[in-house]
Amino acid sequence: MSAFMTHLGSVINSATTLMPVPMGIAVATLMGMTLSSPISSAAIAISLNMSGLAAGAATVGCSAQMMVSLEPLPLCREVHQHIL
């Protein structure tokens, strides 16, 4: 299993280097989705041996997911109540 994960990580790193924008979006989305699951996203990134651009995309995906999951700011809540 370890050899498979290492190989998969090298494929992801290589593909991200060759096609940075689409693979960056894919990696960021998938890593953001793993934050919602009981699987540890850090453990996945470590087992895949992610580095470089792929690791940066994974970080962005995790950060974006955390920002989306935060409770709306009080000002946004106030505006929403005012509209209703």
Protein backbone atom coordinates (compact mmCIF):
# COMPACT_ATOMS: atom_id res chain seq x y z
CA MET A 1 0.00 0.00 0.00
CA SER A 2 2.86 2.35 0.80
CA ALA A 3 4.42 1.88 -2.64
CA PHE A 4 1.04 2.56 -4.30
CA MET A 5 0.52 5.78 -2.32
CA THR A 6 4.04 6.97 -3.10
CA HIS A 7 3.54 6.25 -6.80
CA LEU A 8 0.16 8.00 -6.79
CA GLY A 9 1.75 11.01 -5.08
CA SER A 10 4.49 11.21 -7.71
CA VAL A 11 1.86 11.05 -10.47
CA ILE A 12 -0.07 13.89 -8.80
CA ASN A 13 3.10 15.97 -8.36
CA SER A 14 4.13 15.40 -12.01
CA ALA A 15 0.66 16.14 -13.39
CA THR A 16 0.46 19.32 -11.30
CA THR A 17 3.80 20.45 -12.71
CA LEU A 18 2.69 19.74 -16.30
CA MET A 19 -0.83 21.24 -15.99
CA PRO A 20 -0.76 23.57 -12.97
CA VAL A 21 -4.17 25.25 -13.25
CA PRO A 22 -6.51 22.26 -13.81
CA MET A 23 -4.58 19.98 -11.48
CA GLY A 24 -4.30 22.72 -8.87
CA ILE A 25 -8.07 23.11 -8.93
CA ALA A 26 -8.56 19.34 -8.72
CA VAL A 27 -6.10 18.86 -5.85
CA ALA A 28 -7.49 21.86 -3.94
CA THR A 29 -11.06 20.61 -4.35
CA LEU A 30 -10.27 17.03 -3.34
CA MET A 31 -8.22 18.06 -0.30
CA GLY A 32 -10.96 20.47 0.76
CA MET A 33 -13.48 17.66 0.51
CA THR A 34 -11.34 15.38 2.69
CA LEU A 35 -11.63 17.93 5.50
CA SER A 36 -15.34 17.14 5.67
CA SER A 37 -14.68 13.42 5.99
CA PRO A 38 -13.32 11.49 8.98
CA ILE A 39 -10.10 10.85 7.03
CA SER A 40 -7.16 13.04 8.01
CA SER A 41 -6.22 15.30 5.12
CA ALA A 42 -2.73 15.74 6.60
CA ALA A 43 -2.25 11.97 6.72
CA ILE A 44 -3.31 11.70 3.08
CA ALA A 45 -0.91 14.46 1.99
CA ILE A 46 1.95 12.89 3.94
CA SER A 47 1.27 9.39 2.62
CA LEU A 48 1.09 10.74 -0.94
CA ASN A 49 4.41 12.52 -0.34
CA MET A 50 3.02 15.73 -1.89
CA SER A 51 5.46 18.52 -2.58
CA GLY A 52 5.79 21.72 -4.53
CA LEU A 53 2.78 23.05 -6.38
CA ALA A 54 0.57 20.09 -5.43
CA ALA A 55 1.23 20.68 -1.72
CA GLY A 56 0.44 24.37 -2.17
CA ALA A 57 -2.81 23.56 -3.95
CA ALA A 58 -3.74 21.16 -1.14
CA THR A 59 -3.09 23.91 1.41
CA VAL A 60 -5.26 26.37 -0.52
CA GLY A 61 -8.06 23.80 -0.73
CA CYS A 62 -7.95 23.14 3.00
CA SER A 63 -7.89 26.87 3.76
CA ALA A 64 -10.81 27.58 1.45
CA GLN A 65 -12.84 24.76 2.99
CA MET A 66 -12.20 26.10 6.48
CA MET A 67 -13.28 29.62 5.45
CA VAL A 68 -16.51 28.27 3.93
CA SER A 69 -17.30 26.27 7.06
CA LEU A 70 -16.97 29.25 9.39
CA GLU A 71 -20.13 30.80 10.73
CA PRO A 72 -21.15 33.94 8.82
CA LEU A 73 -19.85 37.19 10.22
CA PRO A 74 -22.22 39.15 12.48
CA LEU A 75 -22.52 41.91 9.86
CA CYS A 76 -23.60 39.38 7.22
CA ARG A 77 -26.19 37.96 9.63
CA GLU A 78 -27.52 41.47 10.30
CA VAL A 79 -27.80 42.26 6.60
CA HIS A 80 -29.52 38.93 5.96
CA GLN A 81 -32.07 39.59 8.72
CA HIS A 82 -32.66 43.11 7.41
CA ILE A 83 -33.41 41.76 3.93
CA LEU A 84 -35.96 39.30 5.30
